[in-house]
PDB file of N, CA and C in Angstrom:
ATOM      1  N   MET A   1      74.552 -77.072  98.071  1.00  0.00           N
ATOM      2  CA  MET A   1      74.500 -76.322  97.231  1.00  0.00           C
ATOM      3  C   MET A   1      73.666 -75.636  98.334  1.00  0.00           C
ATOM      4  N   LYS A   2      72.374 -75.654  98.480  1.00  0.00           N
ATOM      5  CA  LYS A   2      71.831 -74.773  99.364  1.00  0.00           C
ATOM      6  C   LYS A   2      72.589 -74.966 100.598  1.00  0.00           C
ATOM      7  N   GLN A   3      73.033 -75.673 101.436  1.00  0.00           N
ATOM      8  CA  GLN A   3      73.498 -75.807 102.220  1.00  0.00           C
ATOM      9  C   GLN A   3      75.008 -74.691 102.494  1.00  0.00           C
ATOM     10  N   ASP A   4      75.643 -74.981 101.699  1.00  0.00           N
ATOM     11  CA  ASP A   4      76.214 -73.471 101.188  1.00  0.00           C
ATOM     12  C   ASP A   4      76.194 -72.214 101.837  1.00  0.00           C
ATOM     13  N   LEU A   5      74.774 -72.203 100.826  1.00  0.00           N
ATOM     14  CA  LEU A   5      74.386 -70.619 101.083  1.00  0.00           C
ATOM     15  C   LEU A   5      73.711 -70.591 102.525  1.00  0.00           C
ATOM     16  N   ASP A   6      73.166 -71.044 103.236  1.00  0.00           N
ATOM     17  CA  ASP A   6      72.624 -71.515 104.268  1.00  0.00           C
ATOM     18  C   ASP A   6      73.377 -71.272 105.261  1.00  0.00           C
ATOM     19  N   ALA A   7      74.446 -72.270 105.480  1.00  0.00           N
ATOM     20  CA  ALA A   7      75.788 -72.205 106.333  1.00  0.00           C
ATOM     21  C   ALA A   7      76.405 -71.067 106.524  1.00  0.00           C
ATOM     22  N   PHE A   8      76.391 -70.389 105.147  1.00  0.00           N
ATOM     23  CA  PHE A   8      77.405 -68.929 105.247  1.00  0.00           C
ATOM     24  C   PHE A   8      75.998 -67.939 105.893  1.00  0.00           C
ATOM     25  N   ALA A   9      74.554 -67.907 105.315  1.00  0.00           N
ATOM     26  CA  ALA A   9      73.999 -66.957 105.959  1.00  0.00           C
ATOM     27  C   ALA A   9      73.650 -67.049 107.623  1.00  0.00           C
ATOM     28  N   GLY A  10      73.796 -68.257 108.112  1.00  0.00           N
ATOM     29  CA  GLY A  10      73.498 -68.633 109.927  1.00  0.00           C
ATOM     30  C   GLY A  10      74.639 -68.061 110.309  1.00  0.00           C
ATOM     31  N   TYR A  11      75.932 -68.201 109.500  1.00  0.00           N
ATOM     32  CA  TYR A  11      77.189 -68.113 110.634  1.00  0.00           C
ATOM     33  C   TYR A  11      77.091 -66.423 110.524  1.00  0.00           C
ATOM     34  N   ARG A  12      77.075 -65.682 109.559  1.00  0.00           N
ATOM     35  CA  ARG A  12      77.267 -64.366 109.435  1.00  0.00           C
ATOM     36  C   ARG A  12      75.950 -63.635 110.114  1.00  0.00           C
ATOM     37  N   GLU A  13      74.679 -64.353 110.583  1.00  0.00           N
ATOM     38  CA  GLU A  13      73.985 -63.638 111.133  1.00  0.00           C
ATOM     39  C   GLU A  13      74.317 -63.800 113.042  1.00  0.00           C
ATOM     40  N   ARG A  14      74.767 -65.303 112.782  1.00  0.00           N
ATOM     41  CA  ARG A  14      75.073 -65.384 114.371  1.00  0.00           C
ATOM     42  C   ARG A  14      76.657 -64.293 114.752  1.00  0.00           C
ATOM     43  N   MET A  15      77.459 -64.483 113.678  1.00  0.00           N
ATOM     44  CA  MET A  15      78.486 -63.706 114.289  1.00  0.00           C
ATOM     45  C   MET A  15      78.200 -61.728 114.287  1.00  0.00           C
ATOM     46  N   ASN A  16      77.584 -61.586 113.272  1.00  0.00           N
ATOM     47  CA  ASN A  16      77.086 -60.336 113.568  1.00  0.00           C
ATOM     48  C   ASN A  16      76.190 -59.707 114.811  1.00  0.00           C
ATOM     49  N   ALA A  17      75.548 -60.840 114.998  1.00  0.00           N
ATOM     50  CA  ALA A  17      75.222 -60.376 116.233  1.00  0.00           C
ATOM     51  C   ALA A  17      75.817 -60.686 117.752  1.00  0.00           C
ATOM     52  N   GLU A  18      76.986 -61.391 117.472  1.00  0.00           N
ATOM     53  CA  GLU A  18      77.858 -61.563 118.502  1.00  0.00           C
ATOM     54  C   GLU A  18      78.888 -60.120 119.038  1.00  0.00           C
ATOM     55  N   ILE A  19      78.924 -59.762 117.456  1.00  0.00           N
ATOM     56  CA  ILE A  19      79.628 -58.470 117.454  1.00  0.00           C
ATOM     57  C   ILE A  19      79.120 -57.022 118.008  1.00  0.00           C
ATOM     58  N   LEU A  20      78.058 -57.013 117.326  1.00  0.00           N
ATOM     59  CA  LEU A  20      76.997 -56.255 117.884  1.00  0.00           C
ATOM     60  C   LEU A  20      76.522 -56.272 119.145  1.00  0.00           C
ATOM     61  N   ASN A  21      76.227 -56.845 120.048  1.00  0.00           N
ATOM     62  CA  ASN A  21      75.915 -57.700 121.263  1.00  0.00           C
ATOM     63  C   ASN A  21      77.563 -57.473 122.052  1.00  0.00           C
ATOM     64  N   SER A  22      78.609 -57.385 121.826  1.00  0.00           N
ATOM     65  CA  SER A  22      79.795 -56.882 122.173  1.00  0.00           C
ATOM     66  C   SER A  22      79.856 -55.572 123.649  1.00  0.00           C
ATOM     67  N   GLY A  23      78.413 -54.658 122.550  1.00  0.00           N
ATOM     68  CA  GLY A  23      78.897 -53.447 123.609  1.00  0.00           C
ATOM     69  C   GLY A  23      79.942 -52.598 122.789  1.00  0.00           C
ATOM     70  N   ASN A  24      80.381 -52.717 122.000  1.00  0.00           N
ATOM     71  CA  ASN A  24      81.194 -51.527 121.368  1.00  0.00           C
ATOM     72  C   ASN A  24      80.699 -50.666 119.980  1.00  0.00           C
ATOM     73  N   LEU A  25      80.775 -49.714 120.513  1.00  0.00           N
ATOM     74  CA  LEU A  25      79.924 -48.622 120.425  1.00  0.00           C
ATOM     75  C   LEU A  25      80.026 -48.520 118.723  1.00  0.00           C
ATOM     76  N   ASP A  26      81.343 -48.245 118.491  1.00  0.00           N
ATOM     77  CA  ASP A  26      82.615 -47.811 117.235  1.00  0.00           C
ATOM     78  C   ASP A  26      82.044 -49.196 116.312  1.00  0.00           C
ATOM     79  N   LEU A  27      81.973 -50.418 116.837  1.00  0.00           N
ATOM     80  CA  LEU A  27      81.624 -51.721 115.792  1.00  0.00           C
ATOM     81  C   LEU A  27      79.701 -51.263 115.294  1.00  0.00           C
ATOM     82  N   LYS A  28      78.828 -50.831 116.480  1.00  0.00           N
ATOM     83  CA  LYS A  28      77.810 -50.660 116.045  1.00  0.00           C
ATOM     84  C   LYS A  28      77.243 -49.272 115.081  1.00  0.00           C
ATOM     85  N   ARG A  29      78.345 -48.603 115.387  1.00  0.00           N
ATOM     86  CA  ARG A  29      77.881 -47.330 114.337  1.00  0.00           C
ATOM     87  C   ARG A  29      78.766 -48.191 113.049  1.00  0.00           C
ATOM     88  N   PHE A  30      79.745 -48.848 112.734  1.00  0.00           N
ATOM     89  CA  PHE A  30      80.159 -48.895 112.159  1.00  0.00           C
ATOM     90  C   PHE A  30      79.093 -50.108 110.723  1.00  0.00           C
ATOM     91  N   PHE A  31      78.534 -50.497 111.988  1.00  0.00           N
ATOM     92  CA  PHE A  31      77.717 -51.539 110.997  1.00  0.00           C
ATOM     93  C   PHE A  31      76.047 -51.017 110.771  1.00  0.00           C
ATOM     94  N   SER A  32      75.529 -49.951 111.540  1.00  0.00           N
ATOM     95  CA  SER A  32      74.621 -49.274 111.163  1.00  0.00           C
ATOM     96  C   SER A  32      75.182 -48.639 109.925  1.00  0.00           C
ATOM     97  N   LEU A  33      76.100 -47.415 109.788  1.00  0.00           N
ATOM     98  CA  LEU A  33      76.517 -47.012 108.180  1.00  0.00           C
ATOM     99  C   LEU A  33      76.732 -48.162 107.373  1.00  0.00           C
ATOM    100  N   ASP A  34      77.070 -49.204 107.533  1.00  0.00           N
ATOM    101  CA  ASP A  34      77.427 -50.447 106.236  1.00  0.00           C
ATOM    102  C   ASP A  34      75.586 -50.177 105.808  1.00  0.00           C
ATOM    103  N   SER A  35      74.772 -50.619 106.796  1.00  0.00           N
ATOM    104  CA  SER A  35      73.736 -50.920 106.328  1.00  0.00           C
ATOM    105  C   SER A  35      72.531 -49.806 105.803  1.00  0.00           C
ATOM    106  N   ALA A  36      73.024 -48.622 106.319  1.00  0.00           N
ATOM    107  CA  ALA A  36      72.149 -47.063 105.969  1.00  0.00           C
ATOM    108  C   ALA A  36      72.608 -47.156 104.240  1.00  0.00           C
ATOM    109  N   VAL A  37      74.145 -47.300 103.763  1.00  0.00           N
ATOM    110  CA  VAL A  37      74.445 -46.722 102.625  1.00  0.00           C
ATOM    111  C   VAL A  37      73.680 -47.678 101.444  1.00  0.00           C
ATOM    112  N   TYR A  38      73.145 -48.534 101.617  1.00  0.00           N
ATOM    113  CA  TYR A  38      72.574 -49.887 100.635  1.00  0.00           C
ATOM    114  C   TYR A  38      71.062 -49.791 100.763  1.00  0.00           C
ATOM    115  N   ARG A  39      70.370 -48.758 101.297  1.00  0.00           N
ATOM    116  CA  ARG A  39      69.061 -48.658 101.318  1.00  0.00           C
ATOM    117  C   ARG A  39      68.878 -47.702 100.051  1.00  0.00           C
ATOM    118  N   GLU A  40      67.040 -47.496 100.057  1.00  0.00           N
ATOM    119  CA  GLU A  40      67.072 -46.747  98.469  1.00  0.00           C
ATOM    120  C   GLU A  40      67.508 -45.457  98.655  1.00  0.00           C
ATOM    121  N   GLY A  41      68.035 -45.004  97.739  1.00  0.00           N
ATOM    122  CA  GLY A  41      68.201 -43.564  97.906  1.00  0.00           C
ATOM    123  C   GLY A  41      68.494 -42.900  96.103  1.00  0.00           C
ATOM    124  N   ALA A  42      69.173 -42.100  96.049  1.00  0.00           N
ATOM    125  CA  ALA A  42      69.354 -41.961  94.416  1.00  0.00           C
ATOM    126  C   ALA A  42      69.874 -42.665  93.562  1.00  0.00           C
ATOM    127  N   LEU A  43      70.322 -44.072  94.314  1.00  0.00           N
ATOM    128  CA  LEU A  43      70.547 -44.923  93.502  1.00  0.00           C
ATOM    129  C   LEU A  43      69.829 -46.290  94.205  1.00  0.00           C
ATOM    130  N   PRO A  44      69.296 -46.938  93.628  1.00  0.00           N
ATOM    131  CA  PRO A  44      68.380 -48.014  94.035  1.00  0.00           C
ATOM    132  C   PRO A  44      69.451 -48.717  94.582  1.00  0.00           C
ATOM    133  N   PRO A  45      68.872 -49.755  95.738  1.00  0.00           N
ATOM    134  CA  PRO A  45      69.504 -50.683  96.125  1.00  0.00           C
ATOM    135  C   PRO A  45      70.054 -51.772  95.201  1.00  0.00           C
ATOM    136  N   LYS A  46      69.405 -51.973  94.019  1.00  0.00           N
ATOM    137  CA  LYS A  46      70.302 -53.232  93.495  1.00  0.00           C
ATOM    138  C   LYS A  46      71.527 -52.573  92.637  1.00  0.00           C
ATOM    139  N   THR A  47      71.521 -51.536  92.271  1.00  0.00           N
ATOM    140  CA  THR A  47      72.692 -51.093  91.800  1.00  0.00           C
ATOM    141  C   THR A  47      73.526 -50.843  92.657  1.00  0.00           C
ATOM    142  N   LYS A  48      73.682 -50.318  94.197  1.00  0.00           N
ATOM    143  CA  LYS A  48      74.493 -50.412  95.234  1.00  0.00           C
ATOM    144  C   LYS A  48      75.174 -51.730  95.356  1.00  0.00           C
ATOM    145  N   GLU A  49      74.618 -52.708  95.242  1.00  0.00           N
ATOM    146  CA  GLU A  49      74.679 -54.069  95.335  1.00  0.00           C
ATOM    147  C   GLU A  49      75.798 -54.470  94.553  1.00  0.00           C
ATOM    148  N   LEU A  50      75.772 -53.705  93.172  1.00  0.00           N
ATOM    149  CA  LEU A  50      76.293 -54.496  92.277  1.00  0.00           C
ATOM    150  C   LEU A  50      77.608 -53.576  92.570  1.00  0.00           C
ATOM    151  N   LEU A  51      77.554 -52.348  92.569  1.00  0.00           N
ATOM    152  CA  LEU A  51      78.934 -51.574  93.088  1.00  0.00           C
ATOM    153  C   LEU A  51      79.610 -52.321  94.363  1.00  0.00           C
ATOM    154  N   GLY A  52      78.466 -53.159  95.144  1.00  0.00           N
ATOM    155  CA  GLY A  52      79.582 -53.597  96.546  1.00  0.00           C
ATOM    156  C   GLY A  52      80.057 -54.899  95.507  1.00  0.00           C
ATOM    157  N   LEU A  53      79.917 -55.850  95.007  1.00  0.00           N
ATOM    158  CA  LEU A  53      79.766 -56.609  94.466  1.00  0.00           C
ATOM    159  C   LEU A  53      81.326 -56.511  93.489  1.00  0.00           C
ATOM    160  N   VAL A  54      81.426 -55.090  92.781  1.00  0.00           N
ATOM    161  CA  VAL A  54      82.542 -54.797  92.264  1.00  0.00           C
ATOM    162  C   VAL A  54      83.826 -54.390  93.339  1.00  0.00           C
ATOM    163  N   ALA A  55      83.718 -53.794  94.174  1.00  0.00           N
ATOM    164  CA  ALA A  55      84.150 -53.451  95.187  1.00  0.00           C
ATOM    165  C   ALA A  55      84.744 -54.585  96.013  1.00  0.00           C
ATOM    166  N   SER A  56      84.207 -55.602  96.119  1.00  0.00           N
ATOM    167  CA  SER A  56      84.458 -56.676  97.099  1.00  0.00           C
ATOM    168  C   SER A  56      85.299 -57.947  95.850  1.00  0.00           C
ATOM    169  N   LEU A  57      84.694 -57.801  95.020  1.00  0.00           N
ATOM    170  CA  LEU A  57      86.013 -58.643  93.924  1.00  0.00           C
ATOM    171  C   LEU A  57      87.206 -57.964  93.945  1.00  0.00           C
ATOM    172  N   VAL A  58      87.398 -56.578  93.475  1.00  0.00           N
ATOM    173  CA  VAL A  58      88.591 -56.156  93.788  1.00  0.00           C
ATOM    174  C   VAL A  58      89.300 -56.231  94.698  1.00  0.00           C
ATOM    175  N   LEU A  59      88.781 -56.131  95.435  1.00  0.00           N
ATOM    176  CA  LEU A  59      89.264 -55.798  97.433  1.00  0.00           C
ATOM    177  C   LEU A  59      89.660 -57.803  97.695  1.00  0.00           C
ATOM    178  N   ARG A  60      89.079 -58.598  96.452  1.00  0.00           N
ATOM    179  CA  ARG A  60      89.234 -59.703  96.765  1.00  0.00           C
ATOM    180  C   ARG A  60      88.858 -60.586  98.484  1.00  0.00           C
ATOM    181  N   CYS A  61      87.589 -59.849  98.986  1.00  0.00           N
ATOM    182  CA  CYS A  61      86.828 -60.791  99.749  1.00  0.00           C
ATOM    183  C   CYS A  61      85.819 -61.191  99.518  1.00  0.00           C
ATOM    184  N   ASP A  62      86.127 -62.770  99.778  1.00  0.00           N
ATOM    185  CA  ASP A  62      85.417 -63.637  99.145  1.00  0.00           C
ATOM    186  C   ASP A  62      84.026 -63.781  99.990  1.00  0.00           C
ATOM    187  N   ASP A  63      83.924 -63.558 101.526  1.00  0.00           N
ATOM    188  CA  ASP A  63      83.049 -63.068 102.325  1.00  0.00           C
ATOM    189  C   ASP A  63      82.143 -62.079 101.779  1.00  0.00           C
ATOM    190  N   CYS A  64      82.740 -61.241 101.482  1.00  0.00           N
ATOM    191  CA  CYS A  64      82.172 -59.960 100.864  1.00  0.00           C
ATOM    192  C   CYS A  64      81.664 -60.128  99.795  1.00  0.00           C
ATOM    193  N   VAL A  65      81.974 -60.657  98.926  1.00  0.00           N
ATOM    194  CA  VAL A  65      81.240 -61.281  97.273  1.00  0.00           C
ATOM    195  C   VAL A  65      80.292 -62.290  97.214  1.00  0.00           C
ATOM    196  N   LEU A  66      80.339 -63.251  97.895  1.00  0.00           N
ATOM    197  CA  LEU A  66      78.986 -64.220  98.315  1.00  0.00           C
ATOM    198  C   LEU A  66      78.088 -63.377  98.750  1.00  0.00           C
ATOM    199  N   TYR A  67      78.325 -62.702 100.156  1.00  0.00           N
ATOM    200  CA  TYR A  67      77.063 -61.456 100.606  1.00  0.00           C
ATOM    201  C   TYR A  67      76.728 -60.715  99.800  1.00  0.00           C
ATOM    202  N   HIS A  68      77.211 -60.145  98.795  1.00  0.00           N
ATOM    203  CA  HIS A  68      76.705 -59.011  97.629  1.00  0.00           C
ATOM    204  C   HIS A  68      76.352 -60.337  96.656  1.00  0.00           C
ATOM    205  N   LEU A  69      76.616 -61.228  96.130  1.00  0.00           N
ATOM    206  CA  LEU A  69      75.802 -62.173  95.341  1.00  0.00           C
ATOM    207  C   LEU A  69      74.650 -62.314  95.843  1.00  0.00           C
ATOM    208  N   ILE A  70      74.628 -63.035  96.806  1.00  0.00           N
ATOM    209  CA  ILE A  70      73.365 -63.577  97.999  1.00  0.00           C
ATOM    210  C   ILE A  70      72.266 -62.389  97.613  1.00  0.00           C
ATOM    211  N   ARG A  71      72.610 -60.579  98.187  1.00  0.00           N
ATOM    212  CA  ARG A  71      71.776 -59.380  97.903  1.00  0.00           C
ATOM    213  C   ARG A  71      71.903 -59.179  96.445  1.00  0.00           C
ATOM    214  N   CYS A  72      72.473 -59.335  95.391  1.00  0.00           N
ATOM    215  CA  CYS A  72      72.141 -58.936  93.901  1.00  0.00           C
ATOM    216  C   CYS A  72      71.025 -59.964  93.872  1.00  0.00           C
ATOM    217  N   GLY A  73      71.134 -61.585  93.787  1.00  0.00           N
ATOM    218  CA  GLY A  73      69.924 -62.419  93.781  1.00  0.00           C
ATOM    219  C   GLY A  73      68.281 -61.482  94.359  1.00  0.00           C
ATOM    220  N   GLU A  74      68.347 -61.454  95.618  1.00  0.00           N
ATOM    221  CA  GLU A  74      67.149 -60.759  96.118  1.00  0.00           C
ATOM    222  C   GLU A  74      66.708 -59.499  95.364  1.00  0.00           C
ATOM    223  N   GLU A  75      67.629 -58.674  94.839  1.00  0.00           N
ATOM    224  CA  GLU A  75      67.703 -57.699  94.207  1.00  0.00           C
ATOM    225  C   GLU A  75      66.619 -57.687  92.478  1.00  0.00           C
ATOM    226  N   GLY A  76      67.042 -59.057  92.443  1.00  0.00           N
ATOM    227  CA  GLY A  76      66.687 -59.765  91.223  1.00  0.00           C
ATOM    228  C   GLY A  76      67.382 -59.268  90.076  1.00  0.00           C
ATOM    229  N   VAL A  77      68.865 -58.848  90.360  1.00  0.00           N
ATOM    230  CA  VAL A  77      70.131 -59.263  89.381  1.00  0.00           C
ATOM    231  C   VAL A  77      70.122 -59.993  88.271  1.00  0.00           C
ATOM    232  N   SER A  78      70.130 -59.760  86.874  1.00  0.00           N
ATOM    233  CA  SER A  78      69.889 -60.670  85.827  1.00  0.00           C
ATOM    234  C   SER A  78      71.410 -61.393  85.581  1.00  0.00           C
ATOM    235  N   ASP A  79      71.746 -62.141  84.817  1.00  0.00           N
ATOM    236  CA  ASP A  79      72.263 -62.586  84.535  1.00  0.00           C
ATOM    237  C   ASP A  79      73.779 -62.166  83.910  1.00  0.00           C
ATOM    238  N   ALA A  80      72.733 -61.256  82.635  1.00  0.00           N
ATOM    239  CA  ALA A  80      73.396 -60.109  82.052  1.00  0.00           C
ATOM    240  C   ALA A  80      74.040 -58.937  83.022  1.00  0.00           C
ATOM    241  N   GLU A  81      73.506 -58.569  83.950  1.00  0.00           N
ATOM    242  CA  GLU A  81      73.846 -57.524  84.691  1.00  0.00           C
ATOM    243  C   GLU A  81      74.442 -57.827  85.555  1.00  0.00           C
ATOM    244  N   PHE A  82      74.807 -59.040  86.450  1.00  0.00           N
ATOM    245  CA  PHE A  82      75.772 -59.972  86.641  1.00  0.00           C
ATOM    246  C   PHE A  82      76.903 -59.991  85.778  1.00  0.00           C
ATOM    247  N   GLN A  83      76.977 -60.508  84.975  1.00  0.00           N
ATOM    248  CA  GLN A  83      77.776 -60.535  83.929  1.00  0.00           C
ATOM    249  C   GLN A  83      78.718 -59.238  83.365  1.00  0.00           C
ATOM    250  N   GLU A  84      78.314 -58.287  83.284  1.00  0.00           N
ATOM    251  CA  GLU A  84      78.668 -56.812  83.035  1.00  0.00           C
ATOM    252  C   GLU A  84      79.349 -56.456  84.573  1.00  0.00           C
ATOM    253  N   THR A  85      78.711 -56.568  85.531  1.00  0.00           N
ATOM    254  CA  THR A  85      79.190 -55.982  86.422  1.00  0.00           C
ATOM    255  C   THR A  85      80.255 -56.888  86.918  1.00  0.00           C
ATOM    256  N   VAL A  86      80.682 -58.128  87.014  1.00  0.00           N
ATOM    257  CA  VAL A  86      82.019 -58.789  87.055  1.00  0.00           C
ATOM    258  C   VAL A  86      82.895 -58.364  86.272  1.00  0.00           C
ATOM    259  N   SER A  87      82.558 -57.943  84.564  1.00  0.00           N
ATOM    260  CA  SER A  87      83.662 -57.691  83.887  1.00  0.00           C
ATOM    261  C   SER A  87      84.306 -56.082  84.052  1.00  0.00           C
ATOM    262  N   ILE A  88      83.312 -55.382  84.628  1.00  0.00           N
ATOM    263  CA  ILE A  88      84.259 -54.434  85.221  1.00  0.00           C
ATOM    264  C   ILE A  88      84.993 -54.282  86.521  1.00  0.00           C
ATOM    265  N   ALA A  89      84.406 -55.458  87.611  1.00  0.00           N
ATOM    266  CA  ALA A  89      85.417 -55.701  88.457  1.00  0.00           C
ATOM    267  C   ALA A  89      87.101 -56.538  87.714  1.00  0.00           C
ATOM    268  N   LEU A  90      86.742 -56.795  86.821  1.00  0.00           N
ATOM    269  CA  LEU A  90      87.971 -57.526  86.062  1.00  0.00           C
ATOM    270  C   LEU A  90      88.784 -56.452  85.618  1.00  0.00           C
ATOM    271  N   VAL A  91      88.378 -55.592  85.050  1.00  0.00           N
ATOM    272  CA  VAL A  91      89.152 -54.744  84.186  1.00  0.00           C
ATOM    273  C   VAL A  91      89.884 -53.605  85.352  1.00  0.00           C
ATOM    274  N   VAL A  92      88.985 -53.656  86.724  1.00  0.00           N
ATOM    275  CA  VAL A  92      89.440 -52.370  87.511  1.00  0.00           C
ATOM    276  C   VAL A  92      90.577 -53.471  88.411  1.00  0.00           C
ATOM    277  N   GLY A  93      90.215 -54.397  88.857  1.00  0.00           N
ATOM    278  CA  GLY A  93      90.958 -55.053  89.489  1.00  0.00           C
ATOM    279  C   GLY A  93      92.040 -55.804  88.945  1.00  0.00           C
ATOM    280  N   GLY A  94      92.308 -56.656  88.036  1.00  0.00           N
ATOM    281  CA  GLY A  94      92.663 -57.237  86.716  1.00  0.00           C
ATOM    282  C   GLY A  94      92.864 -58.239  87.203  1.00  0.00           C
ATOM    283  N   SER A  95      94.211 -59.245  86.630  1.00  0.00           N
ATOM    284  CA  SER A  95      93.770 -60.803  86.538  1.00  0.00           C
ATOM    285  C   SER A  95      94.072 -61.376  87.912  1.00  0.00           C
ATOM    286  N   ILE A  96      94.279 -60.116  88.828  1.00  0.00           N
ATOM    287  CA  ILE A  96      94.397 -61.299  90.536  1.00  0.00           C
ATOM    288  C   ILE A  96      93.235 -61.346  90.933  1.00  0.00           C
ATOM    289  N   THR A  97      92.069 -60.988  90.340  1.00  0.00           N
ATOM    290  CA  THR A  97      90.626 -61.148  90.759  1.00  0.00           C
ATOM    291  C   THR A  97      90.133 -62.166  90.449  1.00  0.00           C
ATOM    292  N   ILE A  98      90.683 -63.115  89.098  1.00  0.00           N
ATOM    293  CA  ILE A  98      90.342 -64.349  88.526  1.00  0.00           C
ATOM    294  C   ILE A  98      89.882 -65.196  89.454  1.00  0.00           C
ATOM    295  N   PRO A  99      90.583 -65.719  90.326  1.00  0.00           N
ATOM    296  CA  PRO A  99      90.349 -66.720  91.312  1.00  0.00           C
ATOM    297  C   PRO A  99      89.039 -66.180  91.370  1.00  0.00           C
ATOM    298  N   HIS A 100      88.515 -64.871  92.060  1.00  0.00           N
ATOM    299  CA  HIS A 100      87.582 -64.536  92.938  1.00  0.00           C
ATOM    300  C   HIS A 100      86.411 -64.801  92.008  1.00  0.00           C
ATOM    301  N   LEU A 101      86.781 -64.848  90.774  1.00  0.00           N
ATOM    302  CA  LEU A 101      85.541 -64.587  89.645  1.00  0.00           C
ATOM    303  C   LEU A 101      85.316 -65.966  89.307  1.00  0.00           C
ATOM    304  N   ARG A 102      85.996 -66.907  89.611  1.00  0.00           N
ATOM    305  CA  ARG A 102      85.439 -68.078  89.315  1.00  0.00           C
ATOM    306  C   ARG A 102      84.516 -68.797  90.358  1.00  0.00           C
ATOM    307  N   ARG A 103      84.907 -67.613  91.838  1.00  0.00           N
ATOM    308  CA  ARG A 103      83.775 -68.103  92.779  1.00  0.00           C
ATOM    309  C   ARG A 103      83.188 -67.821  92.806  1.00  0.00           C
ATOM    310  N   ALA A 104      83.038 -66.564  91.939  1.00  0.00           N
ATOM    311  CA  ALA A 104      81.569 -65.788  91.995  1.00  0.00           C
ATOM    312  C   ALA A 104      80.863 -66.391  91.279  1.00  0.00           C
ATOM    313  N   PHE A 105      81.432 -66.779  90.165  1.00  0.00           N
ATOM    314  CA  PHE A 105      80.802 -67.557  88.989  1.00  0.00           C
ATOM    315  C   PHE A 105      79.832 -68.876  89.383  1.00  0.00           C
ATOM    316  N   GLU A 106      80.535 -69.367  90.404  1.00  0.00           N
ATOM    317  CA  GLU A 106      80.200 -70.869  91.052  1.00  0.00           C
ATOM    318  C   GLU A 106      78.534 -70.347  91.926  1.00  0.00           C
ATOM    319  N   MET A 107      79.086 -69.614  92.801  1.00  0.00           N
ATOM    320  CA  MET A 107      77.990 -69.187  93.909  1.00  0.00           C
ATOM    321  C   MET A 107      76.823 -68.512  93.111  1.00  0.00           C
ATOM    322  N   TRP A 108      77.132 -67.825  92.129  1.00  0.00           N
ATOM    323  CA  TRP A 108      76.012 -67.033  91.469  1.00  0.00           C
ATOM    324  C   TRP A 108      74.653 -68.261  90.630  1.00  0.00           C
ATOM    325  N   ALA A 109      75.727 -68.866  90.012  1.00  0.00           N
ATOM    326  CA  ALA A 109      74.866 -70.257  89.662  1.00  0.00           C
ATOM    327  C   ALA A 109      74.267 -70.917  90.793  1.00  0.00           C
ATOM    328  N   LYS A 110      74.457 -70.908  92.003  1.00  0.00           N
ATOM    329  CA  LYS A 110      74.226 -71.739  93.077  1.00  0.00           C
ATOM    330  C   LYS A 110      72.820 -70.853  93.265  1.00  0.00           C
ATOM    331  N   ILE A 111      72.941 -69.316  93.491  1.00  0.00           N
ATOM    332  CA  ILE A 111      72.234 -68.620  93.936  1.00  0.00           C
ATOM    333  C   ILE A 111      71.091 -68.770  92.461  1.00  0.00           C
ATOM    334  N   GLN A 112      70.921 -68.559  91.925  1.00  0.00           N
ATOM    335  CA  GLN A 112      70.386 -68.983  90.499  1.00  0.00           C
ATOM    336  C   GLN A 112      69.804 -70.126  90.424  1.00  0.00           C
ATOM    337  N   ASP A 113      70.210 -70.996  90.887  1.00  0.00           N
ATOM    338  CA  ASP A 113      69.573 -72.669  90.683  1.00  0.00           C
ATOM    339  C   ASP A 113      68.745 -72.793  91.720  1.00  0.00           C
ATOM    340  N   ARG A 114      68.764 -71.786  93.381  1.00  0.00           N
ATOM    341  CA  ARG A 114      67.852 -71.600  94.244  1.00  0.00           C
ATOM    342  C   ARG A 114      67.022 -71.289  93.875  1.00  0.00           C
ATOM    343  N   LYS A 115      67.228 -70.150  92.957  1.00  0.00           N
ATOM    344  CA  LYS A 115      66.014 -69.526  93.086  1.00  0.00           C
ATOM    345  C   LYS A 115      64.890 -70.318  92.706  1.00  0.00           C
ATOM    346  N   LYS A 116      65.397 -70.894  90.884  1.00  0.00           N
ATOM    347  CA  LYS A 116      64.279 -71.773  90.439  1.00  0.00           C
ATOM    348  C   LYS A 116      63.686 -72.995  91.271  1.00  0.00           C
ATOM    349  N   THR A 117      64.754 -73.440  92.144  1.00  0.00           N
ATOM    350  CA  THR A 117      63.958 -74.485  92.724  1.00  0.00           C
ATOM    351  C   THR A 117      62.853 -73.823  94.076  1.00  0.00           C
ATOM    352  N   ASP A 118      63.401 -72.810  94.365  1.00  0.00           N
ATOM    353  CA  ASP A 118      62.118 -72.433  95.171  1.00  0.00           C
ATOM    354  C   ASP A 118      61.216 -72.070  94.422  1.00  0.00           C
ATOM    355  N   GLY A 119      60.947 -71.315  93.619  1.00  0.00           N
ATOM    356  CA  GLY A 119      60.330 -70.684  92.558  1.00  0.00           C
ATOM    357  C   GLY A 119      59.101 -72.027  92.130  1.00  0.00           C
ATOM    358  N   ALA A 120      59.928 -73.200  91.584  1.00  0.00           N
ATOM    359  CA  ALA A 120      59.310 -74.057  91.351  1.00  0.00           C
ATOM    360  C   ALA A 120      58.140 -74.713  92.826  1.00  0.00           C
ATOM    361  N   GLN A 121      58.870 -74.372  94.036  1.00  0.00           N
ATOM    362  CA  GLN A 121      58.135 -74.646  95.128  1.00  0.00           C
ATOM    363  C   GLN A 121      57.392 -73.722  95.870  1.00  0.00           C
ATOM    364  N   GLY A 122      57.276 -72.497  95.126  1.00  0.00           N
ATOM    365  CA  GLY A 122      56.024 -71.677  95.156  1.00  0.00           C
ATOM    366  C   GLY A 122      56.843 -70.533  96.191  1.00  0.00           C
ATOM    367  N   LYS A 123      58.693 -70.547  96.654  1.00  0.00           N
ATOM    368  CA  LYS A 123      58.785 -70.053  97.347  1.00  0.00           C
ATOM    369  C   LYS A 123      59.278 -68.530  96.954  1.00  0.00           C
ATOM    370  N   THR A 124      59.504 -67.440  97.543  1.00  0.00           N
ATOM    371  CA  THR A 124      59.874 -66.569  96.899  1.00  0.00           C
ATOM    372  C   THR A 124      61.304 -65.983  97.888  1.00  0.00           C
TER     373      THR A 124
END
């Protein structure tokens, strides 16, 4: 379980570095914009991550869903907030999002278990 999340985070970090080191200014600009829109603003980062989760579920991007689930966990999203958010994604995206909801629920459980384990070990 922890390995799944760590493997994803490691791969994402490694490949993002490779992309950003490619020298392509357009790619750097897009990545910068992507980071900037999730910062504190009129909406808090937690709300923005929930919005990102809805969009990712509707667009059916499993990597994006996992990334936003991890960020939602870091932002302190509750189980109730998670469930309301995926309900919105289902209504917006329709039944075709159900396979992605299954994976989202599975990964959310792993993220919550990890938080409990880390909390029991005194990690944040």
